[in-house]
Amino acid sequence: MIRIVVGRDPIDIGAEMTLAEGAAGAGAVATFTGLVRADDSVGMLELEHYPGATEAALTRVAEGAVARWSLGAATIVHRVGPMTPGERIVFVAAAAPHRAAALEACAYLIDRLKTDAPFWKRETRGTDARWVEARDTDTAAAERWERH
């Protein structure tokens, strides 16, 4: 089961966990939840995306994880729109027969979505807003999966 959700609604972790835990053959579910950080006095983070293309890119990432680790489920829920520090921005889950595969697949999902999906971030600090450039550390994290 692959579940991809991109939207403005808050992420319901309990509901998402219930769905992932119900995957056929699941013996382990690994998750990652990303929160909006208040780095350097960020007051608001706004995400934009390219509808249709974003979901397709996230589906390809999830399909890659399912095939590589024989997952029973791969979930990516990503918010768009304005968010404030402390709000959930992304939730990723990988359900597998064993914990090692679930943990590796979860790391893969978050690493790959950061570089493979078309999201654009704008941070606001006081009255100043700026677009966030891609980070070299995100690219390096995604590329490590090419070598494995």
N, C-alpha and C. Protein backbone atom coordinates (compact mmCIF):
# COMPACT_ATOMS: atom_id res chain seq x y z
N MET A 1 0.83 -1.18 0.00
CA MET A 1 0.00 0.00 0.00
C MET A 1 0.88 1.24 0.00
N ILE A 2 0.63 2.11 -0.93
CA ILE A 2 1.32 3.40 -0.98
C ILE A 2 0.27 4.48 -0.72
N ARG A 3 0.61 5.36 0.22
CA ARG A 3 -0.30 6.46 0.56
C ARG A 3 0.47 7.77 0.44
N ILE A 4 -0.01 8.61 -0.46
CA ILE A 4 0.60 9.93 -0.69
C ILE A 4 -0.49 10.98 -0.48
N VAL A 5 -0.21 11.94 0.41
CA VAL A 5 -1.15 13.03 0.66
C VAL A 5 -0.35 14.33 0.67
N VAL A 6 -0.79 15.29 -0.13
CA VAL A 6 -0.21 16.62 -0.11
C VAL A 6 -1.37 17.59 0.08
N GLY A 7 -1.31 18.36 1.16
CA GLY A 7 -2.43 19.27 1.41
C GLY A 7 -2.16 20.24 2.54
N ARG A 8 -3.15 21.05 2.82
CA ARG A 8 -3.04 22.10 3.83
C ARG A 8 -3.45 21.65 5.23
N ASP A 9 -4.17 20.54 5.32
CA ASP A 9 -4.70 20.10 6.62
C ASP A 9 -3.60 19.62 7.56
N PRO A 10 -3.74 19.84 8.85
CA PRO A 10 -2.78 19.30 9.82
C PRO A 10 -2.68 17.78 9.69
N ILE A 11 -1.52 17.25 10.01
CA ILE A 11 -1.26 15.82 9.89
C ILE A 11 -1.74 15.11 11.15
N ASP A 12 -2.59 14.11 10.96
CA ASP A 12 -3.12 13.29 12.06
C ASP A 12 -2.24 12.05 12.18
N ILE A 13 -1.24 12.14 13.05
CA ILE A 13 -0.26 11.06 13.20
C ILE A 13 -0.93 9.75 13.63
N GLY A 14 -1.88 9.82 14.55
CA GLY A 14 -2.56 8.61 15.02
C GLY A 14 -3.25 7.88 13.89
N ALA A 15 -3.96 8.61 13.06
CA ALA A 15 -4.67 8.00 11.93
C ALA A 15 -3.68 7.41 10.93
N GLU A 16 -2.61 8.13 10.67
CA GLU A 16 -1.60 7.64 9.71
C GLU A 16 -0.90 6.39 10.25
N MET A 17 -0.60 6.38 11.54
CA MET A 17 0.02 5.19 12.15
C MET A 17 -0.91 3.99 12.07
N THR A 18 -2.17 4.18 12.34
CA THR A 18 -3.13 3.08 12.27
C THR A 18 -3.16 2.47 10.88
N LEU A 19 -3.15 3.31 9.87
CA LEU A 19 -3.13 2.81 8.49
C LEU A 19 -1.84 2.04 8.19
N ALA A 20 -0.71 2.58 8.59
CA ALA A 20 0.57 1.91 8.33
C ALA A 20 0.69 0.59 9.08
N GLU A 21 0.23 0.58 10.32
CA GLU A 21 0.31 -0.64 11.13
C GLU A 21 -0.59 -1.75 10.58
N GLY A 22 -1.61 -1.39 9.81
CA GLY A 22 -2.51 -2.38 9.25
C GLY A 22 -2.01 -3.00 7.95
N ALA A 23 -0.80 -2.64 7.52
CA ALA A 23 -0.27 -3.17 6.27
C ALA A 23 -0.02 -4.67 6.37
N ALA A 24 -0.29 -5.35 5.29
CA ALA A 24 -0.06 -6.80 5.24
C ALA A 24 1.40 -7.12 5.50
N GLY A 25 1.64 -8.06 6.39
CA GLY A 25 2.99 -8.52 6.68
C GLY A 25 3.82 -7.61 7.55
N ALA A 26 3.22 -6.56 8.10
CA ALA A 26 3.99 -5.61 8.92
C ALA A 26 4.39 -6.23 10.25
N GLY A 27 5.67 -6.21 10.51
CA GLY A 27 6.19 -6.59 11.81
C GLY A 27 6.85 -5.40 12.49
N ALA A 28 7.05 -4.33 11.69
CA ALA A 28 7.67 -3.11 12.20
C ALA A 28 7.20 -1.93 11.36
N VAL A 29 7.00 -0.80 12.02
CA VAL A 29 6.69 0.44 11.33
C VAL A 29 7.65 1.50 11.86
N ALA A 30 8.41 2.08 10.94
CA ALA A 30 9.31 3.18 11.30
C ALA A 30 8.72 4.46 10.75
N THR A 31 8.80 5.52 11.55
CA THR A 31 8.22 6.79 11.12
C THR A 31 9.19 7.94 11.34
N PHE A 32 8.92 9.01 10.61
CA PHE A 32 9.63 10.27 10.79
C PHE A 32 8.59 11.37 10.72
N THR A 33 8.65 12.29 11.64
CA THR A 33 7.80 13.47 11.63
C THR A 33 8.69 14.70 11.61
N GLY A 34 8.51 15.55 10.62
CA GLY A 34 9.27 16.79 10.54
C GLY A 34 8.42 17.94 11.02
N LEU A 35 9.03 18.84 11.78
CA LEU A 35 8.36 20.01 12.33
C LEU A 35 8.96 21.28 11.75
N VAL A 36 8.17 22.31 11.65
CA VAL A 36 8.68 23.62 11.23
C VAL A 36 9.58 24.13 12.35
N ARG A 37 10.82 24.44 11.99
CA ARG A 37 11.78 24.94 12.97
C ARG A 37 11.71 26.46 13.06
N ALA A 38 12.09 26.98 14.21
CA ALA A 38 12.14 28.43 14.42
C ALA A 38 13.57 28.94 14.26
N ASP A 39 14.35 28.30 13.38
CA ASP A 39 15.73 28.72 13.14
C ASP A 39 15.79 30.20 12.80
N ASP A 40 16.74 30.87 13.40
CA ASP A 40 16.99 32.28 13.07
C ASP A 40 15.71 33.13 13.10
N SER A 41 14.86 32.89 14.07
CA SER A 41 13.64 33.68 14.28
C SER A 41 12.60 33.54 13.17
N VAL A 42 12.55 32.38 12.53
CA VAL A 42 11.52 32.16 11.51
C VAL A 42 10.16 32.21 12.19
N GLY A 43 9.28 33.06 11.69
CA GLY A 43 7.94 33.18 12.25
C GLY A 43 6.92 32.39 11.46
N MET A 44 7.23 32.19 10.16
CA MET A 44 6.31 31.43 9.32
C MET A 44 7.11 30.79 8.18
N LEU A 45 6.67 29.59 7.82
CA LEU A 45 7.21 28.90 6.66
C LEU A 45 6.04 28.61 5.74
N GLU A 46 6.20 28.96 4.49
CA GLU A 46 5.14 28.69 3.52
C GLU A 46 5.70 27.78 2.43
N LEU A 47 4.98 26.71 2.16
CA LEU A 47 5.38 25.78 1.11
C LEU A 47 4.41 25.86 -0.06
N GLU A 48 4.99 25.91 -1.24
CA GLU A 48 4.22 25.82 -2.47
C GLU A 48 4.67 24.56 -3.18
N HIS A 49 3.81 24.07 -4.08
CA HIS A 49 4.19 22.88 -4.84
C HIS A 49 3.53 22.92 -6.20
N TYR A 50 3.89 21.96 -7.01
CA TYR A 50 3.35 21.85 -8.36
C TYR A 50 2.36 20.69 -8.33
N PRO A 51 1.06 20.97 -8.15
CA PRO A 51 0.07 19.89 -8.02
C PRO A 51 0.14 18.91 -9.19
N GLY A 52 -0.02 17.67 -8.87
CA GLY A 52 0.08 16.61 -9.86
C GLY A 52 1.51 16.13 -9.98
N ALA A 53 2.43 17.03 -10.26
CA ALA A 53 3.84 16.66 -10.37
C ALA A 53 4.41 16.27 -9.01
N THR A 54 4.00 16.97 -7.97
CA THR A 54 4.49 16.66 -6.63
C THR A 54 4.04 15.27 -6.20
N GLU A 55 2.77 14.98 -6.37
CA GLU A 55 2.24 13.66 -5.98
C GLU A 55 2.89 12.56 -6.81
N ALA A 56 3.11 12.81 -8.10
CA ALA A 56 3.76 11.81 -8.96
C ALA A 56 5.20 11.55 -8.50
N ALA A 57 5.92 12.60 -8.15
CA ALA A 57 7.30 12.44 -7.68
C ALA A 57 7.33 11.67 -6.36
N LEU A 58 6.42 12.00 -5.44
CA LEU A 58 6.38 11.29 -4.16
C LEU A 58 5.98 9.82 -4.36
N THR A 59 5.10 9.56 -5.30
CA THR A 59 4.71 8.18 -5.60
C THR A 59 5.91 7.39 -6.11
N ARG A 60 6.71 7.99 -6.98
CA ARG A 60 7.92 7.31 -7.49
C ARG A 60 8.89 7.00 -6.35
N VAL A 61 9.05 7.94 -5.43
CA VAL A 61 9.93 7.71 -4.28
C VAL A 61 9.40 6.53 -3.47
N ALA A 62 8.10 6.52 -3.18
CA ALA A 62 7.50 5.44 -2.39
C ALA A 62 7.59 4.10 -3.12
N GLU A 63 7.35 4.11 -4.42
CA GLU A 63 7.46 2.86 -5.20
C GLU A 63 8.87 2.29 -5.14
N GLY A 64 9.86 3.18 -5.18
CA GLY A 64 11.25 2.73 -5.07
C GLY A 64 11.52 2.07 -3.73
N ALA A 65 10.98 2.65 -2.67
CA ALA A 65 11.17 2.08 -1.32
C ALA A 65 10.45 0.75 -1.19
N VAL A 66 9.22 0.67 -1.68
CA VAL A 66 8.44 -0.58 -1.59
C VAL A 66 9.19 -1.70 -2.31
N ALA A 67 9.70 -1.43 -3.49
CA ALA A 67 10.41 -2.45 -4.26
C ALA A 67 11.73 -2.85 -3.60
N ARG A 68 12.44 -1.87 -3.10
CA ARG A 68 13.78 -2.14 -2.54
C ARG A 68 13.73 -2.91 -1.22
N TRP A 69 12.73 -2.60 -0.37
CA TRP A 69 12.67 -3.23 0.95
C TRP A 69 11.46 -4.14 1.14
N SER A 70 10.73 -4.43 0.08
CA SER A 70 9.54 -5.29 0.15
C SER A 70 8.58 -4.80 1.24
N LEU A 71 8.27 -3.54 1.20
CA LEU A 71 7.41 -2.94 2.22
C LEU A 71 5.95 -3.35 2.04
N GLY A 72 5.26 -3.44 3.16
CA GLY A 72 3.82 -3.63 3.13
C GLY A 72 3.12 -2.30 2.96
N ALA A 73 3.78 -1.20 3.36
CA ALA A 73 3.21 0.13 3.22
C ALA A 73 4.31 1.18 3.22
N ALA A 74 4.07 2.23 2.43
CA ALA A 74 4.93 3.41 2.44
C ALA A 74 3.99 4.61 2.42
N THR A 75 4.16 5.49 3.38
CA THR A 75 3.29 6.65 3.52
C THR A 75 4.13 7.92 3.50
N ILE A 76 3.67 8.90 2.71
CA ILE A 76 4.25 10.24 2.74
C ILE A 76 3.08 11.22 2.81
N VAL A 77 3.04 11.98 3.89
CA VAL A 77 2.03 13.04 4.04
C VAL A 77 2.81 14.34 4.18
N HIS A 78 2.57 15.28 3.29
CA HIS A 78 3.33 16.54 3.29
C HIS A 78 2.37 17.71 3.22
N ARG A 79 2.59 18.66 4.10
CA ARG A 79 1.75 19.87 4.10
C ARG A 79 2.29 20.91 3.16
N VAL A 80 1.38 21.75 2.69
CA VAL A 80 1.71 22.94 1.91
C VAL A 80 0.92 24.10 2.50
N GLY A 81 1.27 25.30 2.09
CA GLY A 81 0.62 26.47 2.64
C GLY A 81 1.42 27.04 3.79
N PRO A 82 0.85 28.02 4.51
CA PRO A 82 1.57 28.66 5.62
C PRO A 82 1.54 27.80 6.89
N MET A 83 2.69 27.75 7.57
CA MET A 83 2.82 27.02 8.83
C MET A 83 3.72 27.81 9.78
N THR A 84 3.48 27.62 11.06
CA THR A 84 4.29 28.29 12.07
C THR A 84 5.19 27.28 12.77
N PRO A 85 6.24 27.76 13.44
CA PRO A 85 7.15 26.85 14.14
C PRO A 85 6.40 25.90 15.08
N GLY A 86 6.83 24.67 15.06
CA GLY A 86 6.23 23.63 15.89
C GLY A 86 5.18 22.81 15.18
N GLU A 87 4.64 23.32 14.06
CA GLU A 87 3.64 22.55 13.33
C GLU A 87 4.30 21.42 12.55
N ARG A 88 3.56 20.33 12.36
CA ARG A 88 4.04 19.21 11.56
C ARG A 88 4.00 19.59 10.09
N ILE A 89 5.11 19.33 9.43
CA ILE A 89 5.21 19.64 8.01
C ILE A 89 5.22 18.37 7.16
N VAL A 90 5.76 17.28 7.70
CA VAL A 90 5.85 16.04 6.94
C VAL A 90 5.78 14.83 7.88
N PHE A 91 5.17 13.77 7.38
CA PHE A 91 5.11 12.50 8.09
C PHE A 91 5.42 11.41 7.08
N VAL A 92 6.34 10.54 7.45
CA VAL A 92 6.75 9.42 6.60
C VAL A 92 6.66 8.16 7.42
N ALA A 93 6.14 7.08 6.83
CA ALA A 93 6.09 5.78 7.51
C ALA A 93 6.46 4.69 6.53
N ALA A 94 7.16 3.68 7.04
CA ALA A 94 7.52 2.50 6.27
C ALA A 94 7.17 1.28 7.11
N ALA A 95 6.33 0.41 6.57
CA ALA A 95 5.94 -0.83 7.26
C ALA A 95 6.61 -2.00 6.55
N ALA A 96 7.32 -2.80 7.31
CA ALA A 96 8.07 -3.93 6.75
C ALA A 96 7.97 -5.12 7.70
N PRO A 97 8.35 -6.29 7.22
CA PRO A 97 8.32 -7.46 8.10
C PRO A 97 9.27 -7.33 9.31
N HIS A 98 10.39 -6.62 9.12
CA HIS A 98 11.40 -6.52 10.19
C HIS A 98 11.88 -5.08 10.35
N ARG A 99 12.41 -4.75 11.53
CA ARG A 99 12.76 -3.36 11.86
C ARG A 99 13.85 -2.77 10.98
N ALA A 100 14.88 -3.56 10.61
CA ALA A 100 15.98 -3.00 9.82
C ALA A 100 15.46 -2.44 8.50
N ALA A 101 14.63 -3.19 7.83
CA ALA A 101 14.07 -2.73 6.55
C ALA A 101 13.18 -1.51 6.76
N ALA A 102 12.37 -1.52 7.81
CA ALA A 102 11.49 -0.38 8.08
C ALA A 102 12.31 0.89 8.35
N LEU A 103 13.35 0.76 9.15
CA LEU A 103 14.18 1.92 9.49
C LEU A 103 14.92 2.46 8.27
N GLU A 104 15.52 1.56 7.48
CA GLU A 104 16.24 2.00 6.29
C GLU A 104 15.28 2.65 5.28
N ALA A 105 14.14 2.03 5.08
CA ALA A 105 13.18 2.56 4.12
C ALA A 105 12.65 3.92 4.56
N CYS A 106 12.43 4.11 5.84
CA CYS A 106 11.96 5.39 6.35
C CYS A 106 13.01 6.48 6.07
N ALA A 107 14.26 6.17 6.33
CA ALA A 107 15.34 7.14 6.06
C ALA A 107 15.41 7.45 4.57
N TYR A 108 15.28 6.43 3.73
CA TYR A 108 15.29 6.62 2.29
C TYR A 108 14.15 7.54 1.86
N LEU A 109 12.95 7.29 2.36
CA LEU A 109 11.79 8.09 1.97
C LEU A 109 12.00 9.57 2.27
N ILE A 110 12.46 9.90 3.47
CA ILE A 110 12.63 11.31 3.81
C ILE A 110 13.80 11.92 3.05
N ASP A 111 14.88 11.16 2.90
CA ASP A 111 16.04 11.68 2.16
C ASP A 111 15.69 11.97 0.71
N ARG A 112 14.99 11.05 0.06
CA ARG A 112 14.67 11.21 -1.36
C ARG A 112 13.60 12.28 -1.60
N LEU A 113 12.60 12.35 -0.74
CA LEU A 113 11.54 13.34 -0.99
C LEU A 113 12.08 14.76 -0.89
N LYS A 114 13.09 14.97 -0.06
CA LYS A 114 13.65 16.31 0.10
C LYS A 114 14.26 16.84 -1.19
N THR A 115 14.72 15.93 -2.08
CA THR A 115 15.34 16.38 -3.32
C THR A 115 14.52 16.05 -4.57
N ASP A 116 13.63 15.07 -4.49
CA ASP A 116 12.95 14.58 -5.68
C ASP A 116 11.57 15.21 -5.92
N ALA A 117 10.99 15.81 -4.91
CA ALA A 117 9.63 16.37 -5.05
C ALA A 117 9.70 17.89 -5.21
N PRO A 118 8.88 18.44 -6.11
CA PRO A 118 8.91 19.88 -6.34
C PRO A 118 8.14 20.68 -5.29
N PHE A 119 8.85 21.04 -4.23
CA PHE A 119 8.33 21.92 -3.19
C PHE A 119 9.21 23.17 -3.16
N TRP A 120 8.60 24.31 -2.89
CA TRP A 120 9.34 25.55 -2.74
C TRP A 120 8.97 26.14 -1.38
N LYS A 121 10.03 26.54 -0.63
CA LYS A 121 9.83 27.05 0.73
C LYS A 121 10.17 28.53 0.79
N ARG A 122 9.31 29.25 1.52
CA ARG A 122 9.57 30.67 1.79
C ARG A 122 9.48 30.89 3.29
N GLU A 123 10.56 31.44 3.86
CA GLU A 123 10.59 31.73 5.29
C GLU A 123 10.33 33.21 5.52
N THR A 124 9.58 33.49 6.58
CA THR A 124 9.33 34.87 6.97
C THR A 124 9.91 35.11 8.35
N ARG A 125 10.70 36.17 8.44
CA ARG A 125 11.28 36.62 9.71
C ARG A 125 10.88 38.08 9.88
N GLY A 126 9.99 38.34 10.80
CA GLY A 126 9.48 39.72 10.95
C GLY A 126 8.76 40.12 9.69
N THR A 127 9.25 41.17 9.02
CA THR A 127 8.64 41.63 7.78
C THR A 127 9.42 41.17 6.55
N ASP A 128 10.50 40.43 6.77
CA ASP A 128 11.35 39.97 5.67
C ASP A 128 11.00 38.52 5.29
N ALA A 129 10.75 38.29 4.01
CA ALA A 129 10.48 36.94 3.52
C ALA A 129 11.50 36.59 2.45
N ARG A 130 11.96 35.33 2.45
CA ARG A 130 12.92 34.90 1.43
C ARG A 130 12.68 33.44 1.07
N TRP A 131 12.97 33.11 -0.18
CA TRP A 131 12.87 31.73 -0.64
C TRP A 131 14.09 30.97 -0.14
N VAL A 132 13.89 29.72 0.24
CA VAL A 132 14.96 28.88 0.79
C VAL A 132 15.59 28.09 -0.34
N GLU A 133 16.90 28.17 -0.43
CA GLU A 133 17.65 27.41 -1.44
C GLU A 133 17.80 25.95 -0.99
N ALA A 134 17.97 25.07 -1.95
CA ALA A 134 18.23 23.66 -1.64
C ALA A 134 19.54 23.56 -0.85
N ARG A 135 19.58 22.61 0.06
CA ARG A 135 20.77 22.44 0.90
C ARG A 135 21.65 21.33 0.35
N ASP A 136 22.95 21.57 0.38
CA ASP A 136 23.90 20.53 -0.06
C ASP A 136 23.79 19.28 0.80
N THR A 137 23.46 19.44 2.07
CA THR A 137 23.35 18.28 2.95
C THR A 137 22.16 17.40 2.54
N ASP A 138 21.08 18.00 2.04
CA ASP A 138 19.94 17.21 1.56
C ASP A 138 20.32 16.43 0.31
N THR A 139 21.06 17.08 -0.58
CA THR A 139 21.51 16.41 -1.80
C THR A 139 22.43 15.24 -1.47
N ALA A 140 23.35 15.46 -0.54
CA ALA A 140 24.27 14.39 -0.15
C ALA A 140 23.52 13.22 0.51
N ALA A 141 22.53 13.53 1.33
CA ALA A 141 21.75 12.46 1.97
C ALA A 141 20.99 11.63 0.94
N ALA A 142 20.44 12.29 -0.07
CA ALA A 142 19.71 11.57 -1.12
C ALA A 142 20.66 10.75 -1.98
N GLU A 143 21.82 11.30 -2.27
CA GLU A 143 22.77 10.60 -3.14
C GLU A 143 23.38 9.36 -2.49
N ARG A 144 23.40 9.31 -1.17
CA ARG A 144 23.98 8.13 -0.52
C ARG A 144 23.22 6.85 -0.88
N TRP A 145 21.94 6.99 -1.22
CA TRP A 145 21.13 5.82 -1.58
C TRP A 145 21.48 5.31 -2.97
N GLU A 146 22.12 6.13 -3.79
CA GLU A 146 22.58 5.69 -5.11
C GLU A 146 23.75 4.71 -4.96
N ARG A 147 24.52 4.89 -3.91
CA ARG A 147 25.72 4.05 -3.69
C ARG A 147 25.38 2.74 -2.99
N HIS A 148 24.20 2.64 -2.39
CA HIS A 148 23.82 1.43 -1.65
C HIS A 148 23.17 0.43 -2.57
